[in-house]
């Protein structure tokens, strides 16, 4: 099992709209590729200004499990280009993201 963590830095003024996008678009596209058990969290931090827009930012982290590397490859090939395009077209420099891929060593699911 693979845990994929996507961290977003977004301007605070788009937070509600961006969270809707995650639940209406991002998560369904990921689930169609095999992702499951999404968890969205806000990173506890002092808001920093976006160096391009000047707006204060908030960081969100979306974690999802992937059953295997084949599902992750499909997500990166099929879903991520659409997601990146949608984020760029909708919010441009007001939203940025990066991903971290982790191998799950032990969890209640794989005991």
PDB file of N, CA and C in Angstrom:
ATOM      1  N   UNK A   1       0.853  -1.174   0.000  1.00  0.00           N
ATOM      2  CA  UNK A   1       0.000   0.000   0.000  1.00  0.00           C
ATOM      3  C   UNK A   1       0.896   1.234   0.000  1.00  0.00           C
ATOM      4  N   UNK A   2       0.440   2.260  -0.705  1.00  0.00           N
ATOM      5  CA  UNK A   2       1.166   3.521  -0.824  1.00  0.00           C
ATOM      6  C   UNK A   2       0.285   4.629  -0.268  1.00  0.00           C
ATOM      7  N   UNK A   3       0.897   5.511   0.489  1.00  0.00           N
ATOM      8  CA  UNK A   3       0.208   6.706   0.968  1.00  0.00           C
ATOM      9  C   UNK A   3       0.729   7.872   0.161  1.00  0.00           C
ATOM     10  N   UNK A   4      -0.178   8.576  -0.464  1.00  0.00           N
ATOM     11  CA  UNK A   4       0.220   9.760  -1.221  1.00  0.00           C
ATOM     12  C   UNK A   4      -0.296  10.984  -0.473  1.00  0.00           C
ATOM     13  N   UNK A   5       0.606  11.898  -0.203  1.00  0.00           N
ATOM     14  CA  UNK A   5       0.278  13.141   0.487  1.00  0.00           C
ATOM     15  C   UNK A   5       0.484  14.280  -0.505  1.00  0.00           C
ATOM     16  N   UNK A   6      -0.552  15.064  -0.720  1.00  0.00           N
ATOM     17  CA  UNK A   6      -0.436  16.245  -1.563  1.00  0.00           C
ATOM     18  C   UNK A   6      -0.631  17.454  -0.670  1.00  0.00           C
ATOM     19  N   UNK A   7       0.373  18.304  -0.637  1.00  0.00           N
ATOM     20  CA  UNK A   7       0.321  19.515   0.161  1.00  0.00           C
ATOM     21  C   UNK A   7       0.051  20.690  -0.761  1.00  0.00           C
ATOM     22  N   UNK A   8      -0.922  21.493  -0.376  1.00  0.00           N
ATOM     23  CA  UNK A   8      -1.324  22.661  -1.149  1.00  0.00           C
ATOM     24  C   UNK A   8      -1.027  23.914  -0.346  1.00  0.00           C
ATOM     25  N   UNK A   9      -0.484  24.913  -0.977  1.00  0.00           N
ATOM     26  CA  UNK A   9      -0.368  26.243  -0.395  1.00  0.00           C
ATOM     27  C   UNK A   9      -1.294  27.129  -1.217  1.00  0.00           C
ATOM     28  N   UNK A  10      -2.328  27.640  -0.558  1.00  0.00           N
ATOM     29  CA  UNK A  10      -3.330  28.414  -1.290  1.00  0.00           C
ATOM     30  C   UNK A  10      -3.599  29.733  -0.570  1.00  0.00           C
ATOM     31  N   UNK A  11      -3.983  30.718  -1.345  1.00  0.00           N
ATOM     32  CA  UNK A  11      -4.380  31.991  -0.754  1.00  0.00           C
ATOM     33  C   UNK A  11      -5.632  31.772   0.091  1.00  0.00           C
ATOM     34  N   UNK A  12      -5.684  32.404   1.255  1.00  0.00           N
ATOM     35  CA  UNK A  12      -6.808  32.187   2.168  1.00  0.00           C
ATOM     36  C   UNK A  12      -8.141  32.583   1.547  1.00  0.00           C
ATOM     37  N   UNK A  13      -8.137  33.547   0.647  1.00  0.00           N
ATOM     38  CA  UNK A  13      -9.405  33.996   0.064  1.00  0.00           C
ATOM     39  C   UNK A  13     -10.016  32.993  -0.913  1.00  0.00           C
ATOM     40  N   UNK A  14      -9.294  31.928  -1.267  1.00  0.00           N
ATOM     41  CA  UNK A  14      -9.866  30.891  -2.151  1.00  0.00           C
ATOM     42  C   UNK A  14     -10.087  29.574  -1.410  1.00  0.00           C
ATOM     43  N   UNK A  15      -9.866  29.548  -0.111  1.00  0.00           N
ATOM     44  CA  UNK A  15      -9.899  28.290   0.644  1.00  0.00           C
ATOM     45  C   UNK A  15     -11.200  27.510   0.450  1.00  0.00           C
ATOM     46  N   UNK A  16     -12.353  28.137   0.672  1.00  0.00           N
ATOM     47  CA  UNK A  16     -13.625  27.409   0.584  1.00  0.00           C
ATOM     48  C   UNK A  16     -13.856  26.852  -0.817  1.00  0.00           C
ATOM     49  N   UNK A  17     -13.592  27.668  -1.810  1.00  0.00           N
ATOM     50  CA  UNK A  17     -13.759  27.238  -3.202  1.00  0.00           C
ATOM     51  C   UNK A  17     -12.786  26.097  -3.526  1.00  0.00           C
ATOM     52  N   UNK A  18     -11.564  26.184  -3.031  1.00  0.00           N
ATOM     53  CA  UNK A  18     -10.561  25.167  -3.302  1.00  0.00           C
ATOM     54  C   UNK A  18     -10.915  23.838  -2.626  1.00  0.00           C
ATOM     55  N   UNK A  19     -11.422  23.910  -1.395  1.00  0.00           N
ATOM     56  CA  UNK A  19     -11.841  22.678  -0.699  1.00  0.00           C
ATOM     57  C   UNK A  19     -12.981  22.014  -1.462  1.00  0.00           C
ATOM     58  N   UNK A  20     -13.917  22.800  -1.979  1.00  0.00           N
ATOM     59  CA  UNK A  20     -14.995  22.219  -2.808  1.00  0.00           C
ATOM     60  C   UNK A  20     -14.402  21.513  -4.028  1.00  0.00           C
ATOM     61  N   UNK A  21     -13.412  22.150  -4.675  1.00  0.00           N
ATOM     62  CA  UNK A  21     -12.741  21.534  -5.821  1.00  0.00           C
ATOM     63  C   UNK A  21     -12.117  20.190  -5.430  1.00  0.00           C
ATOM     64  N   UNK A  22     -11.479  20.139  -4.271  1.00  0.00           N
ATOM     65  CA  UNK A  22     -10.861  18.885  -3.837  1.00  0.00           C
ATOM     66  C   UNK A  22     -11.900  17.778  -3.720  1.00  0.00           C
ATOM     67  N   UNK A  23     -13.060  18.097  -3.121  1.00  0.00           N
ATOM     68  CA  UNK A  23     -14.079  17.065  -2.905  1.00  0.00           C
ATOM     69  C   UNK A  23     -14.935  16.800  -4.141  1.00  0.00           C
ATOM     70  N   UNK A  24     -15.089  17.773  -5.006  1.00  0.00           N
ATOM     71  CA  UNK A  24     -15.918  17.591  -6.199  1.00  0.00           C
ATOM     72  C   UNK A  24     -15.133  17.061  -7.400  1.00  0.00           C
ATOM     73  N   UNK A  25     -13.826  17.330  -7.452  1.00  0.00           N
ATOM     74  CA  UNK A  25     -13.035  16.995  -8.634  1.00  0.00           C
ATOM     75  C   UNK A  25     -11.825  16.125  -8.306  1.00  0.00           C
ATOM     76  N   UNK A  26     -10.928  16.644  -7.473  1.00  0.00           N
ATOM     77  CA  UNK A  26      -9.670  15.950  -7.205  1.00  0.00           C
ATOM     78  C   UNK A  26      -9.903  14.545  -6.644  1.00  0.00           C
ATOM     79  N   UNK A  27     -10.635  14.443  -5.553  1.00  0.00           N
ATOM     80  CA  UNK A  27     -10.838  13.148  -4.902  1.00  0.00           C
ATOM     81  C   UNK A  27     -11.574  12.163  -5.810  1.00  0.00           C
ATOM     82  N   UNK A  28     -12.665  12.554  -6.495  1.00  0.00           N
ATOM     83  CA  UNK A  28     -13.300  11.595  -7.410  1.00  0.00           C
ATOM     84  C   UNK A  28     -12.369  11.105  -8.528  1.00  0.00           C
ATOM     85  N   UNK A  29     -11.536  12.004  -9.080  1.00  0.00           N
ATOM     86  CA  UNK A  29     -10.588  11.571 -10.113  1.00  0.00           C
ATOM     87  C   UNK A  29      -9.573  10.583  -9.530  1.00  0.00           C
ATOM     88  N   UNK A  30      -9.119  10.849  -8.317  1.00  0.00           N
ATOM     89  CA  UNK A  30      -8.169   9.939  -7.674  1.00  0.00           C
ATOM     90  C   UNK A  30      -8.824   8.592  -7.358  1.00  0.00           C
ATOM     91  N   UNK A  31     -10.052   8.633  -6.856  1.00  0.00           N
ATOM     92  CA  UNK A  31     -10.760   7.390  -6.537  1.00  0.00           C
ATOM     93  C   UNK A  31     -11.009   6.553  -7.782  1.00  0.00           C
ATOM     94  N   UNK A  32     -11.240   7.200  -8.913  1.00  0.00           N
ATOM     95  CA  UNK A  32     -11.432   6.468 -10.171  1.00  0.00           C
ATOM     96  C   UNK A  32     -10.163   5.711 -10.571  1.00  0.00           C
ATOM     97  N   UNK A  33      -9.019   6.132 -10.036  1.00  0.00           N
ATOM     98  CA  UNK A  33      -7.744   5.463 -10.310  1.00  0.00           C
ATOM     99  C   UNK A  33      -7.363   4.472  -9.221  1.00  0.00           C
ATOM    100  N   UNK A  34      -8.224   4.313  -8.218  1.00  0.00           N
ATOM    101  CA  UNK A  34      -7.962   3.333  -7.170  1.00  0.00           C
ATOM    102  C   UNK A  34      -7.648   3.912  -5.802  1.00  0.00           C
ATOM    103  N   UNK A  35      -7.532   5.225  -5.684  1.00  0.00           N
ATOM    104  CA  UNK A  35      -7.256   5.831  -4.379  1.00  0.00           C
ATOM    105  C   UNK A  35      -8.452   5.629  -3.456  1.00  0.00           C
ATOM    106  N   UNK A  36      -8.175   5.599  -2.153  1.00  0.00           N
ATOM    107  CA  UNK A  36      -9.262   5.457  -1.195  1.00  0.00           C
ATOM    108  C   UNK A  36      -8.869   6.082   0.138  1.00  0.00           C
ATOM    109  N   UNK A  37      -9.876   6.256   0.979  1.00  0.00           N
ATOM    110  CA  UNK A  37      -9.701   6.767   2.330  1.00  0.00           C
ATOM    111  C   UNK A  37      -9.051   8.155   2.372  1.00  0.00           C
ATOM    112  N   UNK A  38      -9.626   9.154   1.677  1.00  0.00           N
ATOM    113  CA  UNK A  38      -9.032  10.488   1.697  1.00  0.00           C
ATOM    114  C   UNK A  38      -9.169  11.149   3.074  1.00  0.00           C
ATOM    115  N   UNK A  39      -8.155  11.922   3.413  1.00  0.00           N
ATOM    116  CA  UNK A  39      -8.148  12.687   4.650  1.00  0.00           C
ATOM    117  C   UNK A  39      -7.582  14.061   4.331  1.00  0.00           C
ATOM    118  N   UNK A  40      -8.375  15.099   4.567  1.00  0.00           N
ATOM    119  CA  UNK A  40      -7.938  16.474   4.320  1.00  0.00           C
ATOM    120  C   UNK A  40      -7.693  17.147   5.651  1.00  0.00           C
ATOM    121  N   UNK A  41      -6.516  17.745   5.793  1.00  0.00           N
ATOM    122  CA  UNK A  41      -6.162  18.441   7.018  1.00  0.00           C
ATOM    123  C   UNK A  41      -5.615  19.824   6.684  1.00  0.00           C
ATOM    124  N   UNK A  42      -5.686  20.710   7.674  1.00  0.00           N
ATOM    125  CA  UNK A  42      -5.053  22.027   7.560  1.00  0.00           C
ATOM    126  C   UNK A  42      -3.781  21.979   8.390  1.00  0.00           C
ATOM    127  N   UNK A  43      -2.697  22.410   7.826  1.00  0.00           N
ATOM    128  CA  UNK A  43      -1.423  22.422   8.527  1.00  0.00           C
ATOM    129  C   UNK A  43      -1.412  23.622   9.474  1.00  0.00           C
ATOM    130  N   UNK A  44      -1.101  23.357  10.723  1.00  0.00           N
ATOM    131  CA  UNK A  44      -1.060  24.429  11.715  1.00  0.00           C
ATOM    132  C   UNK A  44       0.207  25.245  11.499  1.00  0.00           C
ATOM    133  N   UNK A  45       0.002  26.481  11.091  1.00  0.00           N
ATOM    134  CA  UNK A  45       1.133  27.362  10.823  1.00  0.00           C
ATOM    135  C   UNK A  45       0.650  28.807  10.775  1.00  0.00           C
ATOM    136  N   UNK A  46       1.549  29.698  10.966  1.00  0.00           N
ATOM    137  CA  UNK A  46       1.240  31.116  10.831  1.00  0.00           C
ATOM    138  C   UNK A  46       1.115  31.433   9.339  1.00  0.00           C
ATOM    139  N   UNK A  47       0.032  32.098   8.922  1.00  0.00           N
ATOM    140  CA  UNK A  47      -0.098  32.434   7.502  1.00  0.00           C
ATOM    141  C   UNK A  47       1.085  33.273   7.007  1.00  0.00           C
ATOM    142  N   UNK A  48       1.629  32.865   5.899  1.00  0.00           N
ATOM    143  CA  UNK A  48       2.713  33.595   5.239  1.00  0.00           C
ATOM    144  C   UNK A  48       2.164  34.198   3.960  1.00  0.00           C
ATOM    145  N   UNK A  49       2.665  35.333   3.520  1.00  0.00           N
ATOM    146  CA  UNK A  49       2.158  35.901   2.269  1.00  0.00           C
ATOM    147  C   UNK A  49       2.649  35.116   1.046  1.00  0.00           C
ATOM    148  N   UNK A  50       1.764  34.967   0.088  1.00  0.00           N
ATOM    149  CA  UNK A  50       2.117  34.387  -1.207  1.00  0.00           C
ATOM    150  C   UNK A  50       3.064  35.386  -1.874  1.00  0.00           C
ATOM    151  N   UNK A  51       4.246  34.935  -2.299  1.00  0.00           N
ATOM    152  CA  UNK A  51       5.235  35.874  -2.841  1.00  0.00           C
ATOM    153  C   UNK A  51       4.811  36.484  -4.176  1.00  0.00           C
ATOM    154  N   UNK A  52       3.827  35.875  -4.833  1.00  0.00           N
ATOM    155  CA  UNK A  52       3.359  36.418  -6.119  1.00  0.00           C
ATOM    156  C   UNK A  52       2.133  37.303  -5.927  1.00  0.00           C
ATOM    157  N   UNK A  53       1.135  36.808  -5.185  1.00  0.00           N
ATOM    158  CA  UNK A  53      -0.118  37.555  -5.042  1.00  0.00           C
ATOM    159  C   UNK A  53      -0.126  38.489  -3.843  1.00  0.00           C
ATOM    160  N   UNK A  54       0.751  38.249  -2.877  1.00  0.00           N
ATOM    161  CA  UNK A  54       0.778  39.059  -1.665  1.00  0.00           C
ATOM    162  C   UNK A  54      -0.277  38.682  -0.636  1.00  0.00           C
ATOM    163  N   UNK A  55      -1.143  37.738  -0.980  1.00  0.00           N
ATOM    164  CA  UNK A  55      -2.214  37.322  -0.075  1.00  0.00           C
ATOM    165  C   UNK A  55      -1.671  36.379   1.002  1.00  0.00           C
ATOM    166  N   UNK A  56      -2.291  36.381   2.205  1.00  0.00           N
ATOM    167  CA  UNK A  56      -1.913  35.378   3.198  1.00  0.00           C
ATOM    168  C   UNK A  56      -2.310  33.990   2.696  1.00  0.00           C
ATOM    169  N   UNK A  57      -1.554  32.985   3.102  1.00  0.00           N
ATOM    170  CA  UNK A  57      -1.803  31.629   2.612  1.00  0.00           C
ATOM    171  C   UNK A  57      -2.150  30.689   3.755  1.00  0.00           C
ATOM    172  N   UNK A  58      -2.756  29.591   3.378  1.00  0.00           N
ATOM    173  CA  UNK A  58      -3.018  28.466   4.266  1.00  0.00           C
ATOM    174  C   UNK A  58      -2.493  27.230   3.551  1.00  0.00           C
ATOM    175  N   UNK A  59      -2.018  26.266   4.322  1.00  0.00           N
ATOM    176  CA  UNK A  59      -1.554  25.009   3.727  1.00  0.00           C
ATOM    177  C   UNK A  59      -2.499  23.887   4.116  1.00  0.00           C
ATOM    178  N   UNK A  60      -2.904  23.127   3.119  1.00  0.00           N
ATOM    179  CA  UNK A  60      -3.763  21.965   3.306  1.00  0.00           C
ATOM    180  C   UNK A  60      -2.985  20.731   2.885  1.00  0.00           C
ATOM    181  N   UNK A  61      -3.262  19.611   3.533  1.00  0.00           N
ATOM    182  CA  UNK A  61      -2.634  18.347   3.157  1.00  0.00           C
ATOM    183  C   UNK A  61      -3.730  17.318   2.905  1.00  0.00           C
ATOM    184  N   UNK A  62      -3.704  16.719   1.729  1.00  0.00           N
ATOM    185  CA  UNK A  62      -4.661  15.681   1.356  1.00  0.00           C
ATOM    186  C   UNK A  62      -3.906  14.360   1.284  1.00  0.00           C
ATOM    187  N   UNK A  63      -4.294  13.416   2.125  1.00  0.00           N
ATOM    188  CA  UNK A  63      -3.680  12.095   2.108  1.00  0.00           C
ATOM    189  C   UNK A  63      -4.690  11.079   1.601  1.00  0.00           C
ATOM    190  N   UNK A  64      -4.196  10.198   0.737  1.00  0.00           N
ATOM    191  CA  UNK A  64      -5.018   9.107   0.216  1.00  0.00           C
ATOM    192  C   UNK A  64      -4.143   7.870   0.103  1.00  0.00           C
ATOM    193  N   UNK A  65      -4.775   6.737   0.234  1.00  0.00           N
ATOM    194  CA  UNK A  65      -4.068   5.471   0.065  1.00  0.00           C
ATOM    195  C   UNK A  65      -4.246   4.992  -1.375  1.00  0.00           C
ATOM    196  N   UNK A  66      -3.204   4.394  -1.897  1.00  0.00           N
ATOM    197  CA  UNK A  66      -3.238   3.734  -3.199  1.00  0.00           C
ATOM    198  C   UNK A  66      -2.905   2.267  -2.955  1.00  0.00           C
ATOM    199  N   UNK A  67      -3.624   1.346  -3.592  1.00  0.00           N
ATOM    200  CA  UNK A  67      -3.374  -0.065  -3.327  1.00  0.00           C
ATOM    201  C   UNK A  67      -1.984  -0.531  -3.780  1.00  0.00           C
ATOM    202  N   UNK A  68      -1.456   0.090  -4.847  1.00  0.00           N
ATOM    203  CA  UNK A  68      -0.172  -0.359  -5.376  1.00  0.00           C
ATOM    204  C   UNK A  68       0.395   0.693  -6.318  1.00  0.00           C
ATOM    205  N   UNK A  69       1.607   0.440  -6.793  1.00  0.00           N
ATOM    206  CA  UNK A  69       2.266   1.413  -7.669  1.00  0.00           C
ATOM    207  C   UNK A  69       1.572   1.544  -9.023  1.00  0.00           C
ATOM    208  N   UNK A  70       0.888   0.503  -9.468  1.00  0.00           N
ATOM    209  CA  UNK A  70       0.143   0.579 -10.732  1.00  0.00           C
ATOM    210  C   UNK A  70      -0.986   1.602 -10.622  1.00  0.00           C
ATOM    211  N   UNK A  71      -1.697   1.602  -9.507  1.00  0.00           N
ATOM    212  CA  UNK A  71      -2.765   2.577  -9.299  1.00  0.00           C
ATOM    213  C   UNK A  71      -2.186   3.991  -9.225  1.00  0.00           C
ATOM    214  N   UNK A  72      -1.054   4.137  -8.552  1.00  0.00           N
ATOM    215  CA  UNK A  72      -0.416   5.449  -8.447  1.00  0.00           C
ATOM    216  C   UNK A  72       0.045   5.940  -9.813  1.00  0.00           C
ATOM    217  N   UNK A  73       0.603   5.045 -10.611  1.00  0.00           N
ATOM    218  CA  UNK A  73       1.025   5.411 -11.965  1.00  0.00           C
ATOM    219  C   UNK A  73      -0.178   5.862 -12.799  1.00  0.00           C
ATOM    220  N   UNK A  74      -1.288   5.144 -12.689  1.00  0.00           N
ATOM    221  CA  UNK A  74      -2.501   5.538 -13.410  1.00  0.00           C
ATOM    222  C   UNK A  74      -3.010   6.887 -12.962  1.00  0.00           C
ATOM    223  N   UNK A  75      -2.969   7.144 -11.671  1.00  0.00           N
ATOM    224  CA  UNK A  75      -3.378   8.450 -11.141  1.00  0.00           C
ATOM    225  C   UNK A  75      -2.496   9.556 -11.706  1.00  0.00           C
ATOM    226  N   UNK A  76      -1.209   9.341 -11.705  1.00  0.00           N
ATOM    227  CA  UNK A  76      -0.288  10.371 -12.225  1.00  0.00           C
ATOM    228  C   UNK A  76      -0.434  10.573 -13.735  1.00  0.00           C
ATOM    229  N   UNK A  77      -0.750   9.519 -14.435  1.00  0.00           N
ATOM    230  CA  UNK A  77      -0.875   9.605 -15.894  1.00  0.00           C
ATOM    231  C   UNK A  77      -2.240  10.148 -16.314  1.00  0.00           C
ATOM    232  N   UNK A  78      -3.302   9.684 -15.656  1.00  0.00           N
ATOM    233  CA  UNK A  78      -4.661  10.018 -16.091  1.00  0.00           C
ATOM    234  C   UNK A  78      -5.256  11.225 -15.367  1.00  0.00           C
ATOM    235  N   UNK A  79      -5.123  11.273 -14.070  1.00  0.00           N
ATOM    236  CA  UNK A  79      -5.832  12.298 -13.292  1.00  0.00           C
ATOM    237  C   UNK A  79      -5.017  13.564 -13.069  1.00  0.00           C
ATOM    238  N   UNK A  80      -3.747  13.427 -12.717  1.00  0.00           N
ATOM    239  CA  UNK A  80      -2.969  14.610 -12.350  1.00  0.00           C
ATOM    240  C   UNK A  80      -2.868  15.671 -13.439  1.00  0.00           C
ATOM    241  N   UNK A  81      -2.687  15.313 -14.709  1.00  0.00           N
ATOM    242  CA  UNK A  81      -2.651  16.375 -15.716  1.00  0.00           C
ATOM    243  C   UNK A  81      -3.947  17.210 -15.733  1.00  0.00           C
ATOM    244  N   UNK A  82      -5.084  16.552 -15.568  1.00  0.00           N
ATOM    245  CA  UNK A  82      -6.368  17.275 -15.524  1.00  0.00           C
ATOM    246  C   UNK A  82      -6.447  18.152 -14.288  1.00  0.00           C
ATOM    247  N   UNK A  83      -5.977  17.624 -13.158  1.00  0.00           N
ATOM    248  CA  UNK A  83      -6.000  18.371 -11.904  1.00  0.00           C
ATOM    249  C   UNK A  83      -5.095  19.597 -11.995  1.00  0.00           C
ATOM    250  N   UNK A  84      -3.876  19.397 -12.480  1.00  0.00           N
ATOM    251  CA  UNK A  84      -2.944  20.526 -12.619  1.00  0.00           C
ATOM    252  C   UNK A  84      -3.506  21.604 -13.537  1.00  0.00           C
ATOM    253  N   UNK A  85      -4.087  21.180 -14.636  1.00  0.00           N
ATOM    254  CA  UNK A  85      -4.672  22.131 -15.588  1.00  0.00           C
ATOM    255  C   UNK A  85      -5.809  22.912 -14.935  1.00  0.00           C
ATOM    256  N   UNK A  86      -6.687  22.216 -14.220  1.00  0.00           N
ATOM    257  CA  UNK A  86      -7.828  22.876 -13.568  1.00  0.00           C
ATOM    258  C   UNK A  86      -7.364  23.873 -12.516  1.00  0.00           C
ATOM    259  N   UNK A  87      -6.371  23.494 -11.726  1.00  0.00           N
ATOM    260  CA  UNK A  87      -5.858  24.407 -10.701  1.00  0.00           C
ATOM    261  C   UNK A  87      -5.227  25.630 -11.356  1.00  0.00           C
ATOM    262  N   UNK A  88      -4.410  25.402 -12.367  1.00  0.00           N
ATOM    263  CA  UNK A  88      -3.766  26.524 -13.063  1.00  0.00           C
ATOM    264  C   UNK A  88      -4.767  27.467 -13.707  1.00  0.00           C
ATOM    265  N   UNK A  89      -5.782  26.912 -14.362  1.00  0.00           N
ATOM    266  CA  UNK A  89      -6.781  27.746 -15.029  1.00  0.00           C
ATOM    267  C   UNK A  89      -7.675  28.478 -14.042  1.00  0.00           C
ATOM    268  N   UNK A  90      -7.985  27.846 -12.921  1.00  0.00           N
ATOM    269  CA  UNK A  90      -8.909  28.458 -11.959  1.00  0.00           C
ATOM    270  C   UNK A  90      -8.234  29.448 -11.018  1.00  0.00           C
ATOM    271  N   UNK A  91      -7.012  29.131 -10.565  1.00  0.00           N
ATOM    272  CA  UNK A  91      -6.419  29.954  -9.515  1.00  0.00           C
ATOM    273  C   UNK A  91      -5.013  30.446  -9.815  1.00  0.00           C
ATOM    274  N   UNK A  92      -4.378  29.960 -10.863  1.00  0.00           N
ATOM    275  CA  UNK A  92      -3.042  30.425 -11.222  1.00  0.00           C
ATOM    276  C   UNK A  92      -2.094  30.424 -10.028  1.00  0.00           C
ATOM    277  N   UNK A  93      -1.416  31.541  -9.778  1.00  0.00           N
ATOM    278  CA  UNK A  93      -0.422  31.589  -8.706  1.00  0.00           C
ATOM    279  C   UNK A  93      -1.013  31.620  -7.295  1.00  0.00           C
ATOM    280  N   UNK A  94      -2.335  31.627  -7.160  1.00  0.00           N
ATOM    281  CA  UNK A  94      -2.963  31.613  -5.833  1.00  0.00           C
ATOM    282  C   UNK A  94      -2.971  30.213  -5.227  1.00  0.00           C
ATOM    283  N   UNK A  95      -2.550  29.197  -6.004  1.00  0.00           N
ATOM    284  CA  UNK A  95      -2.538  27.819  -5.503  1.00  0.00           C
ATOM    285  C   UNK A  95      -1.312  27.088  -6.032  1.00  0.00           C
ATOM    286  N   UNK A  96      -0.609  26.430  -5.140  1.00  0.00           N
ATOM    287  CA  UNK A  96       0.533  25.602  -5.506  1.00  0.00           C
ATOM    288  C   UNK A  96       0.429  24.270  -4.789  1.00  0.00           C
ATOM    289  N   UNK A  97       1.146  23.268  -5.291  1.00  0.00           N
ATOM    290  CA  UNK A  97       1.055  21.939  -4.688  1.00  0.00           C
ATOM    291  C   UNK A  97       2.331  21.152  -4.911  1.00  0.00           C
ATOM    292  N   UNK A  98       2.566  20.197  -4.012  1.00  0.00           N
ATOM    293  CA  UNK A  98       3.604  19.205  -4.228  1.00  0.00           C
ATOM    294  C   UNK A  98       3.157  17.901  -3.587  1.00  0.00           C
ATOM    295  N   UNK A  99       3.726  16.805  -4.056  1.00  0.00           N
ATOM    296  CA  UNK A  99       3.321  15.479  -3.593  1.00  0.00           C
ATOM    297  C   UNK A  99       4.474  14.753  -2.931  1.00  0.00           C
ATOM    298  N   UNK A 100       4.109  13.933  -1.971  1.00  0.00           N
ATOM    299  CA  UNK A 100       5.056  13.034  -1.327  1.00  0.00           C
ATOM    300  C   UNK A 100       4.459  11.639  -1.374  1.00  0.00           C
ATOM    301  N   UNK A 101       5.242  10.692  -1.850  1.00  0.00           N
ATOM    302  CA  UNK A 101       4.805   9.295  -1.944  1.00  0.00           C
ATOM    303  C   UNK A 101       5.509   8.503  -0.840  1.00  0.00           C
ATOM    304  N   UNK A 102       4.726   7.751  -0.064  1.00  0.00           N
ATOM    305  CA  UNK A 102       5.287   6.997   1.048  1.00  0.00           C
ATOM    306  C   UNK A 102       4.820   5.549   0.992  1.00  0.00           C
ATOM    307  N   UNK A 103       5.716   4.625   1.250  1.00  0.00           N
ATOM    308  CA  UNK A 103       5.342   3.221   1.402  1.00  0.00           C
ATOM    309  C   UNK A 103       4.813   3.022   2.812  1.00  0.00           C
ATOM    310  N   UNK A 104       3.653   2.397   2.937  1.00  0.00           N
ATOM    311  CA  UNK A 104       3.071   2.110   4.241  1.00  0.00           C
ATOM    312  C   UNK A 104       3.743   0.858   4.784  1.00  0.00           C
ATOM    313  N   UNK A 105       4.353   0.992   5.949  1.00  0.00           N
ATOM    314  CA  UNK A 105       5.028  -0.143   6.573  1.00  0.00           C
ATOM    315  C   UNK A 105       4.033  -0.961   7.393  1.00  0.00           C
ATOM    316  N   UNK A 106       3.210  -0.276   8.176  1.00  0.00           N
ATOM    317  CA  UNK A 106       2.256  -0.974   9.011  1.00  0.00           C
ATOM    318  C   UNK A 106       1.066  -0.069   9.254  1.00  0.00           C
ATOM    319  N   UNK A 107      -0.122  -0.633   9.110  1.00  0.00           N
ATOM    320  CA  UNK A 107      -1.363   0.059   9.425  1.00  0.00           C
ATOM    321  C   UNK A 107      -2.378  -1.008   9.799  1.00  0.00           C
ATOM    322  N   UNK A 108      -3.495  -0.628  10.422  1.00  0.00           N
ATOM    323  CA  UNK A 108      -4.508  -1.630  10.754  1.00  0.00           C
ATOM    324  C   UNK A 108      -5.010  -2.400   9.534  1.00  0.00           C
ATOM    325  N   UNK A 109      -4.939  -1.771   8.356  1.00  0.00           N
ATOM    326  CA  UNK A 109      -5.424  -2.423   7.134  1.00  0.00           C
ATOM    327  C   UNK A 109      -4.539  -3.583   6.679  1.00  0.00           C
ATOM    328  N   UNK A 110      -3.236  -3.477   6.951  1.00  0.00           N
ATOM    329  CA  UNK A 110      -2.341  -4.516   6.424  1.00  0.00           C
ATOM    330  C   UNK A 110      -1.760  -5.401   7.530  1.00  0.00           C
ATOM    331  N   UNK A 111      -2.439  -5.481   8.668  1.00  0.00           N
ATOM    332  CA  UNK A 111      -2.001  -6.387   9.751  1.00  0.00           C
ATOM    333  C   UNK A 111      -2.288  -7.828   9.390  1.00  0.00           C
TER     334      UNK A 111
END
